[in-house]
PDB file of all heavy atoms in Angstrom:
ATOM      1  N   ILE A   1     -14.394  72.092 -62.750  1.00  0.00           N
ATOM      2  CA  ILE A   1     -15.480  71.564 -61.957  1.00  0.00           C
ATOM      3  C   ILE A   1     -14.951  70.963 -60.652  1.00  0.00           C
ATOM      4  O   ILE A   1     -15.290  71.209 -59.404  1.00  0.00           O
ATOM      5  CB  ILE A   1     -16.311  70.630 -62.762  1.00  0.00           C
ATOM      6  CG1 ILE A   1     -17.165  71.293 -63.754  1.00  0.00           C
ATOM      7  CG2 ILE A   1     -17.181  69.754 -61.824  1.00  0.00           C
ATOM      8  CD1 ILE A   1     -17.877  70.386 -64.748  1.00  0.00           C
ATOM      9  N   GLU A   2     -13.818  70.217 -60.806  1.00  0.00           N
ATOM     10  CA  GLU A   2     -13.156  69.475 -59.752  1.00  0.00           C
ATOM     11  C   GLU A   2     -12.615  70.580 -58.763  1.00  0.00           C
ATOM     12  O   GLU A   2     -12.533  70.449 -57.506  1.00  0.00           O
ATOM     13  CB  GLU A   2     -12.031  68.650 -60.255  1.00  0.00           C
ATOM     14  CG  GLU A   2     -11.346  67.946 -58.925  1.00  0.00           C
ATOM     15  CD  GLU A   2     -10.254  67.161 -59.413  1.00  0.00           C
ATOM     16  OE1 GLU A   2     -10.006  66.793 -60.626  1.00  0.00           O
ATOM     17  OE2 GLU A   2      -9.538  66.539 -58.500  1.00  0.00           O
ATOM     18  N   SER A   3     -11.963  71.650 -59.294  1.00  0.00           N
ATOM     19  CA  SER A   3     -11.235  72.588 -58.490  1.00  0.00           C
ATOM     20  C   SER A   3     -12.257  73.407 -57.558  1.00  0.00           C
ATOM     21  O   SER A   3     -11.751  73.928 -56.613  1.00  0.00           O
ATOM     22  CB  SER A   3     -10.645  73.636 -59.389  1.00  0.00           C
ATOM     23  OG  SER A   3     -11.511  74.624 -59.976  1.00  0.00           O
ATOM     24  N   THR A   4     -13.412  73.426 -57.722  1.00  0.00           N
ATOM     25  CA  THR A   4     -14.387  74.078 -56.947  1.00  0.00           C
ATOM     26  C   THR A   4     -14.584  73.286 -55.533  1.00  0.00           C
ATOM     27  O   THR A   4     -14.897  73.868 -54.576  1.00  0.00           O
ATOM     28  CB  THR A   4     -15.904  74.155 -57.556  1.00  0.00           C
ATOM     29  OG1 THR A   4     -16.440  72.859 -57.639  1.00  0.00           O
ATOM     30  CG2 THR A   4     -15.886  74.824 -58.953  1.00  0.00           C
ATOM     31  N   GLY A   5     -14.433  71.871 -55.608  1.00  0.00           N
ATOM     32  CA  GLY A   5     -14.615  71.117 -54.485  1.00  0.00           C
ATOM     33  C   GLY A   5     -16.043  71.000 -53.903  1.00  0.00           C
ATOM     34  O   GLY A   5     -16.317  70.542 -52.908  1.00  0.00           O
ATOM     35  N   LEU A   6     -16.965  71.300 -54.899  1.00  0.00           N
ATOM     36  CA  LEU A   6     -18.251  71.403 -54.506  1.00  0.00           C
ATOM     37  C   LEU A   6     -19.301  70.379 -54.997  1.00  0.00           C
ATOM     38  O   LEU A   6     -20.491  70.262 -54.647  1.00  0.00           O
ATOM     39  CB  LEU A   6     -19.041  72.828 -54.824  1.00  0.00           C
ATOM     40  CG  LEU A   6     -18.379  73.922 -53.910  1.00  0.00           C
ATOM     41  CD1 LEU A   6     -18.799  75.338 -54.517  1.00  0.00           C
ATOM     42  CD2 LEU A   6     -18.639  73.858 -52.523  1.00  0.00           C
ATOM     43  N   PHE A   7     -18.666  69.649 -56.023  1.00  0.00           N
ATOM     44  CA  PHE A   7     -19.453  68.559 -56.781  1.00  0.00           C
ATOM     45  C   PHE A   7     -19.232  67.214 -56.223  1.00  0.00           C
ATOM     46  O   PHE A   7     -18.172  66.856 -56.061  1.00  0.00           O
ATOM     47  CB  PHE A   7     -19.186  68.649 -58.229  1.00  0.00           C
ATOM     48  CG  PHE A   7     -19.743  69.855 -58.959  1.00  0.00           C
ATOM     49  CD1 PHE A   7     -19.109  70.977 -59.012  1.00  0.00           C
ATOM     50  CD2 PHE A   7     -20.989  69.778 -59.526  1.00  0.00           C
ATOM     51  CE1 PHE A   7     -19.531  72.158 -59.637  1.00  0.00           C
ATOM     52  CE2 PHE A   7     -21.532  70.875 -60.244  1.00  0.00           C
ATOM     53  CZ  PHE A   7     -20.721  72.105 -60.232  1.00  0.00           C
ATOM     54  N   TYR A   8     -20.365  66.436 -56.024  1.00  0.00           N
ATOM     55  CA  TYR A   8     -20.219  65.091 -55.441  1.00  0.00           C
ATOM     56  C   TYR A   8     -21.076  64.182 -56.258  1.00  0.00           C
ATOM     57  O   TYR A   8     -22.100  64.469 -56.769  1.00  0.00           O
ATOM     58  CB  TYR A   8     -20.667  65.024 -54.040  1.00  0.00           C
ATOM     59  CG  TYR A   8     -19.820  65.747 -53.026  1.00  0.00           C
ATOM     60  CD1 TYR A   8     -19.766  67.202 -52.953  1.00  0.00           C
ATOM     61  CD2 TYR A   8     -18.812  64.983 -52.295  1.00  0.00           C
ATOM     62  CE1 TYR A   8     -18.854  67.662 -52.143  1.00  0.00           C
ATOM     63  CE2 TYR A   8     -17.938  65.518 -51.426  1.00  0.00           C
ATOM     64  CZ  TYR A   8     -17.918  66.987 -51.391  1.00  0.00           C
ATOM     65  OH  TYR A   8     -17.101  67.619 -50.473  1.00  0.00           O
ATOM     66  N   THR A   9     -20.538  62.927 -56.549  1.00  0.00           N
ATOM     67  CA  THR A   9     -21.116  61.870 -57.411  1.00  0.00           C
ATOM     68  C   THR A   9     -22.408  61.399 -56.601  1.00  0.00           C
ATOM     69  O   THR A   9     -22.725  61.635 -55.365  1.00  0.00           O
ATOM     70  CB  THR A   9     -20.247  60.754 -57.628  1.00  0.00           C
ATOM     71  OG1 THR A   9     -20.019  60.065 -56.488  1.00  0.00           O
ATOM     72  CG2 THR A   9     -18.901  61.247 -58.265  1.00  0.00           C
ATOM     73  N   LYS A  10     -23.123  60.568 -57.341  1.00  0.00           N
ATOM     74  CA  LYS A  10     -24.310  59.838 -56.732  1.00  0.00           C
ATOM     75  C   LYS A  10     -23.952  58.904 -55.625  1.00  0.00           C
ATOM     76  O   LYS A  10     -24.827  58.738 -54.669  1.00  0.00           O
ATOM     77  CB  LYS A  10     -24.955  59.040 -57.833  1.00  0.00           C
ATOM     78  CG  LYS A  10     -26.217  58.268 -57.513  1.00  0.00           C
ATOM     79  CD  LYS A  10     -26.800  57.517 -58.639  1.00  0.00           C
ATOM     80  CE  LYS A  10     -28.178  56.893 -58.281  1.00  0.00           C
ATOM     81  NZ  LYS A  10     -28.745  56.291 -59.422  1.00  0.00           N
ATOM     82  N   LEU A  11     -22.632  58.528 -55.506  1.00  0.00           N
ATOM     83  CA  LEU A  11     -22.258  57.692 -54.490  1.00  0.00           C
ATOM     84  C   LEU A  11     -21.627  58.492 -53.296  1.00  0.00           C
ATOM     85  O   LEU A  11     -21.188  58.016 -52.255  1.00  0.00           O
ATOM     86  CB  LEU A  11     -21.077  56.684 -54.973  1.00  0.00           C
ATOM     87  CG  LEU A  11     -21.600  55.706 -56.020  1.00  0.00           C
ATOM     88  CD1 LEU A  11     -20.383  55.065 -56.675  1.00  0.00           C
ATOM     89  CD2 LEU A  11     -22.680  54.775 -55.514  1.00  0.00           C
ATOM     90  N   GLY A  12     -21.715  59.894 -53.346  1.00  0.00           N
ATOM     91  CA  GLY A  12     -21.289  60.788 -52.269  1.00  0.00           C
ATOM     92  C   GLY A  12     -19.778  60.994 -52.285  1.00  0.00           C
ATOM     93  O   GLY A  12     -19.315  61.469 -51.388  1.00  0.00           O
ATOM     94  N   LYS A  13     -18.995  60.556 -53.409  1.00  0.00           N
ATOM     95  CA  LYS A  13     -17.662  60.864 -53.506  1.00  0.00           C
ATOM     96  C   LYS A  13     -17.385  62.104 -54.234  1.00  0.00           C
ATOM     97  O   LYS A  13     -18.247  62.491 -55.194  1.00  0.00           O
ATOM     98  CB  LYS A  13     -17.014  59.736 -54.146  1.00  0.00           C
ATOM     99  CG  LYS A  13     -17.103  58.339 -53.420  1.00  0.00           C
ATOM    100  CD  LYS A  13     -16.341  57.236 -54.170  1.00  0.00           C
ATOM    101  CE  LYS A  13     -14.812  57.632 -54.190  1.00  0.00           C
ATOM    102  NZ  LYS A  13     -14.083  56.459 -54.855  1.00  0.00           N
ATOM    103  N   PRO A  14     -16.300  62.890 -53.933  1.00  0.00           N
ATOM    104  CA  PRO A  14     -15.988  64.045 -54.757  1.00  0.00           C
ATOM    105  C   PRO A  14     -15.803  63.845 -56.169  1.00  0.00           C
ATOM    106  O   PRO A  14     -15.317  62.834 -56.574  1.00  0.00           O
ATOM    107  CB  PRO A  14     -14.656  64.467 -54.119  1.00  0.00           C
ATOM    108  CG  PRO A  14     -14.734  63.900 -52.733  1.00  0.00           C
ATOM    109  CD  PRO A  14     -15.301  62.673 -52.855  1.00  0.00           C
ATOM    110  N   LEU A  15     -16.509  64.663 -56.930  1.00  0.00           N
ATOM    111  CA  LEU A  15     -16.391  64.445 -58.473  1.00  0.00           C
ATOM    112  C   LEU A  15     -15.089  64.988 -58.999  1.00  0.00           C
ATOM    113  O   LEU A  15     -14.674  66.036 -58.733  1.00  0.00           O
ATOM    114  CB  LEU A  15     -17.627  65.245 -59.170  1.00  0.00           C
ATOM    115  CG  LEU A  15     -17.748  65.135 -60.668  1.00  0.00           C
ATOM    116  CD1 LEU A  15     -18.201  63.590 -61.017  1.00  0.00           C
ATOM    117  CD2 LEU A  15     -18.735  66.143 -61.121  1.00  0.00           C
ATOM    118  N   THR A  16     -14.330  64.141 -59.698  1.00  0.00           N
ATOM    119  CA  THR A  16     -13.014  64.440 -60.168  1.00  0.00           C
ATOM    120  C   THR A  16     -12.963  64.695 -61.594  1.00  0.00           C
ATOM    121  O   THR A  16     -13.871  64.431 -62.288  1.00  0.00           O
ATOM    122  CB  THR A  16     -12.049  63.304 -59.791  1.00  0.00           C
ATOM    123  OG1 THR A  16     -12.397  62.149 -60.647  1.00  0.00           O
ATOM    124  CG2 THR A  16     -12.055  62.923 -58.308  1.00  0.00           C
ATOM    125  N   ALA A  17     -11.986  65.402 -62.011  1.00  0.00           N
ATOM    126  CA  ALA A  17     -11.894  65.613 -63.559  1.00  0.00           C
ATOM    127  C   ALA A  17     -11.660  64.331 -64.180  1.00  0.00           C
ATOM    128  O   ALA A  17     -12.261  64.132 -65.299  1.00  0.00           O
ATOM    129  CB  ALA A  17     -10.663  66.547 -63.760  1.00  0.00           C
ATOM    130  N   GLN A  18     -10.996  63.292 -63.601  1.00  0.00           N
ATOM    131  CA  GLN A  18     -10.896  61.932 -64.334  1.00  0.00           C
ATOM    132  C   GLN A  18     -12.352  61.395 -64.496  1.00  0.00           C
ATOM    133  O   GLN A  18     -12.390  60.798 -65.651  1.00  0.00           O
ATOM    134  CB  GLN A  18     -10.071  61.122 -63.383  1.00  0.00           C
ATOM    135  CG  GLN A  18      -9.794  59.810 -64.038  1.00  0.00           C
ATOM    136  CD  GLN A  18      -8.902  58.866 -63.200  1.00  0.00           C
ATOM    137  OE1 GLN A  18      -8.467  59.288 -62.138  1.00  0.00           O
ATOM    138  NE2 GLN A  18      -8.559  57.759 -63.608  1.00  0.00           N
ATOM    139  N   ASN A  19     -13.269  61.589 -63.602  1.00  0.00           N
ATOM    140  CA  ASN A  19     -14.526  61.067 -63.762  1.00  0.00           C
ATOM    141  C   ASN A  19     -15.196  61.558 -65.098  1.00  0.00           C
ATOM    142  O   ASN A  19     -15.735  60.867 -65.882  1.00  0.00           O
ATOM    143  CB  ASN A  19     -15.458  61.423 -62.528  1.00  0.00           C
ATOM    144  CG  ASN A  19     -15.078  60.742 -61.380  1.00  0.00           C
ATOM    145  OD1 ASN A  19     -15.267  61.319 -60.248  1.00  0.00           O
ATOM    146  ND2 ASN A  19     -14.510  59.493 -61.384  1.00  0.00           N
ATOM    147  N   LEU A  20     -15.010  62.845 -65.336  1.00  0.00           N
ATOM    148  CA  LEU A  20     -15.586  63.608 -66.463  1.00  0.00           C
ATOM    149  C   LEU A  20     -14.794  63.426 -67.778  1.00  0.00           C
ATOM    150  O   LEU A  20     -15.355  63.873 -68.760  1.00  0.00           O
ATOM    151  CB  LEU A  20     -15.838  65.035 -66.066  1.00  0.00           C
ATOM    152  CG  LEU A  20     -16.645  65.255 -64.865  1.00  0.00           C
ATOM    153  CD1 LEU A  20     -16.858  66.708 -64.451  1.00  0.00           C
ATOM    154  CD2 LEU A  20     -18.204  64.655 -65.112  1.00  0.00           C
ATOM    155  N   TYR A  21     -13.514  63.043 -67.579  1.00  0.00           N
ATOM    156  CA  TYR A  21     -12.821  62.924 -68.833  1.00  0.00           C
ATOM    157  C   TYR A  21     -12.815  61.568 -69.487  1.00  0.00           C
ATOM    158  O   TYR A  21     -12.264  61.159 -70.478  1.00  0.00           O
ATOM    159  CB  TYR A  21     -11.241  63.133 -68.698  1.00  0.00           C
ATOM    160  CG  TYR A  21     -10.978  64.685 -68.657  1.00  0.00           C
ATOM    161  CD1 TYR A  21     -10.281  65.239 -67.529  1.00  0.00           C
ATOM    162  CD2 TYR A  21     -11.303  65.488 -69.701  1.00  0.00           C
ATOM    163  CE1 TYR A  21      -9.918  66.602 -67.639  1.00  0.00           C
ATOM    164  CE2 TYR A  21     -11.067  66.815 -69.645  1.00  0.00           C
ATOM    165  CZ  TYR A  21     -10.365  67.416 -68.624  1.00  0.00           C
ATOM    166  OH  TYR A  21      -9.929  68.679 -68.706  1.00  0.00           O
ATOM    167  N   SER A  22     -13.679  60.642 -68.868  1.00  0.00           N
ATOM    168  CA  SER A  22     -13.883  59.301 -69.470  1.00  0.00           C
ATOM    169  C   SER A  22     -14.443  59.359 -70.815  1.00  0.00           C
ATOM    170  O   SER A  22     -15.154  60.257 -71.202  1.00  0.00           O
ATOM    171  CB  SER A  22     -14.688  58.507 -68.566  1.00  0.00           C
ATOM    172  OG  SER A  22     -16.157  59.065 -68.501  1.00  0.00           O
ATOM    173  N   LYS A  23     -14.143  58.386 -71.595  1.00  0.00           N
ATOM    174  CA  LYS A  23     -14.543  58.492 -72.998  1.00  0.00           C
ATOM    175  C   LYS A  23     -15.899  57.876 -73.382  1.00  0.00           C
ATOM    176  O   LYS A  23     -16.241  57.765 -74.584  1.00  0.00           O
ATOM    177  CB  LYS A  23     -13.459  57.796 -73.857  1.00  0.00           C
ATOM    178  CG  LYS A  23     -12.166  58.423 -73.699  1.00  0.00           C
ATOM    179  CD  LYS A  23     -11.186  57.636 -74.587  1.00  0.00           C
ATOM    180  CE  LYS A  23      -9.665  58.295 -74.600  1.00  0.00           C
ATOM    181  NZ  LYS A  23      -8.649  57.577 -75.331  1.00  0.00           N
ATOM    182  N   ASN A  24     -16.672  57.526 -72.459  1.00  0.00           N
ATOM    183  CA  ASN A  24     -17.963  57.134 -72.724  1.00  0.00           C
ATOM    184  C   ASN A  24     -19.090  58.175 -73.069  1.00  0.00           C
ATOM    185  O   ASN A  24     -19.311  58.962 -72.103  1.00  0.00           O
ATOM    186  CB  ASN A  24     -18.533  56.231 -71.397  1.00  0.00           C
ATOM    187  CG  ASN A  24     -19.860  55.598 -71.703  1.00  0.00           C
ATOM    188  OD1 ASN A  24     -20.544  55.964 -72.661  1.00  0.00           O
ATOM    189  ND2 ASN A  24     -20.177  54.613 -70.885  1.00  0.00           N
ATOM    190  N   ASN A  25     -19.321  58.336 -74.240  1.00  0.00           N
ATOM    191  CA  ASN A  25     -20.232  59.441 -74.727  1.00  0.00           C
ATOM    192  C   ASN A  25     -21.638  58.971 -75.036  1.00  0.00           C
ATOM    193  O   ASN A  25     -22.284  59.674 -75.787  1.00  0.00           O
ATOM    194  CB  ASN A  25     -19.617  60.037 -75.971  1.00  0.00           C
ATOM    195  CG  ASN A  25     -18.259  60.804 -75.623  1.00  0.00           C
ATOM    196  OD1 ASN A  25     -18.060  61.403 -74.672  1.00  0.00           O
ATOM    197  ND2 ASN A  25     -17.178  60.383 -76.514  1.00  0.00           N
ATOM    198  N   ASN A  26     -21.958  57.832 -74.490  1.00  0.00           N
ATOM    199  CA  ASN A  26     -23.386  57.398 -74.849  1.00  0.00           C
ATOM    200  C   ASN A  26     -24.082  56.974 -73.573  1.00  0.00           C
ATOM    201  O   ASN A  26     -24.349  55.744 -73.211  1.00  0.00           O
ATOM    202  CB  ASN A  26     -23.183  56.050 -75.646  1.00  0.00           C
ATOM    203  CG  ASN A  26     -22.553  56.419 -77.016  1.00  0.00           C
ATOM    204  OD1 ASN A  26     -23.215  57.060 -77.810  1.00  0.00           O
ATOM    205  ND2 ASN A  26     -21.476  55.848 -77.235  1.00  0.00           N
ATOM    206  N   PRO A  27     -24.418  57.950 -72.724  1.00  0.00           N
ATOM    207  CA  PRO A  27     -25.235  57.664 -71.525  1.00  0.00           C
ATOM    208  C   PRO A  27     -26.642  57.162 -71.954  1.00  0.00           C
ATOM    209  O   PRO A  27     -27.112  57.301 -72.968  1.00  0.00           O
ATOM    210  CB  PRO A  27     -25.300  59.128 -70.862  1.00  0.00           C
ATOM    211  CG  PRO A  27     -25.221  60.006 -71.909  1.00  0.00           C
ATOM    212  CD  PRO A  27     -24.263  59.351 -73.014  1.00  0.00           C
ATOM    213  N   LEU A  28     -27.075  56.367 -70.913  1.00  0.00           N
ATOM    214  CA  LEU A  28     -28.365  55.727 -71.130  1.00  0.00           C
ATOM    215  C   LEU A  28     -29.500  56.680 -71.358  1.00  0.00           C
ATOM    216  O   LEU A  28     -30.418  56.401 -72.185  1.00  0.00           O
ATOM    217  CB  LEU A  28     -28.736  54.926 -69.703  1.00  0.00           C
ATOM    218  CG  LEU A  28     -29.878  53.949 -69.841  1.00  0.00           C
ATOM    219  CD1 LEU A  28     -29.482  52.838 -70.927  1.00  0.00           C
ATOM    220  CD2 LEU A  28     -30.122  53.301 -68.541  1.00  0.00           C
ATOM    221  N   LYS A  29     -29.515  57.873 -70.827  1.00  0.00           N
ATOM    222  CA  LYS A  29     -30.625  58.803 -71.087  1.00  0.00           C
ATOM    223  C   LYS A  29     -30.092  59.884 -72.097  1.00  0.00           C
ATOM    224  O   LYS A  29     -30.610  61.179 -71.999  1.00  0.00           O
ATOM    225  CB  LYS A  29     -31.018  59.475 -69.788  1.00  0.00           C
ATOM    226  CG  LYS A  29     -31.460  58.458 -68.779  1.00  0.00           C
ATOM    227  CD  LYS A  29     -31.932  59.044 -67.424  1.00  0.00           C
ATOM    228  CE  LYS A  29     -32.545  57.943 -66.502  1.00  0.00           C
ATOM    229  NZ  LYS A  29     -32.863  58.488 -65.203  1.00  0.00           N
ATOM    230  N   LYS A  30     -29.251  59.676 -73.011  1.00  0.00           N
ATOM    231  CA  LYS A  30     -28.819  60.616 -73.993  1.00  0.00           C
ATOM    232  C   LYS A  30     -29.851  61.264 -74.767  1.00  0.00           C
ATOM    233  O   LYS A  30     -29.894  62.419 -75.013  1.00  0.00           O
ATOM    234  CB  LYS A  30     -27.773  59.864 -74.947  1.00  0.00           C
ATOM    235  CG  LYS A  30     -27.168  60.818 -76.006  1.00  0.00           C
ATOM    236  CD  LYS A  30     -26.199  59.972 -76.980  1.00  0.00           C
ATOM    237  CE  LYS A  30     -25.682  60.699 -77.971  1.00  0.00           C
ATOM    238  NZ  LYS A  30     -26.643  61.202 -79.013  1.00  0.00           N
TER     239      LYS A  30
END
């Protein structure tokens, strides 16, 4: 996903693999 360079977060920053490897598995809208 990061390698595409096409995904951006809600804050307008490039979405990184580190963002998606975080261990929080309980999002508010799960």
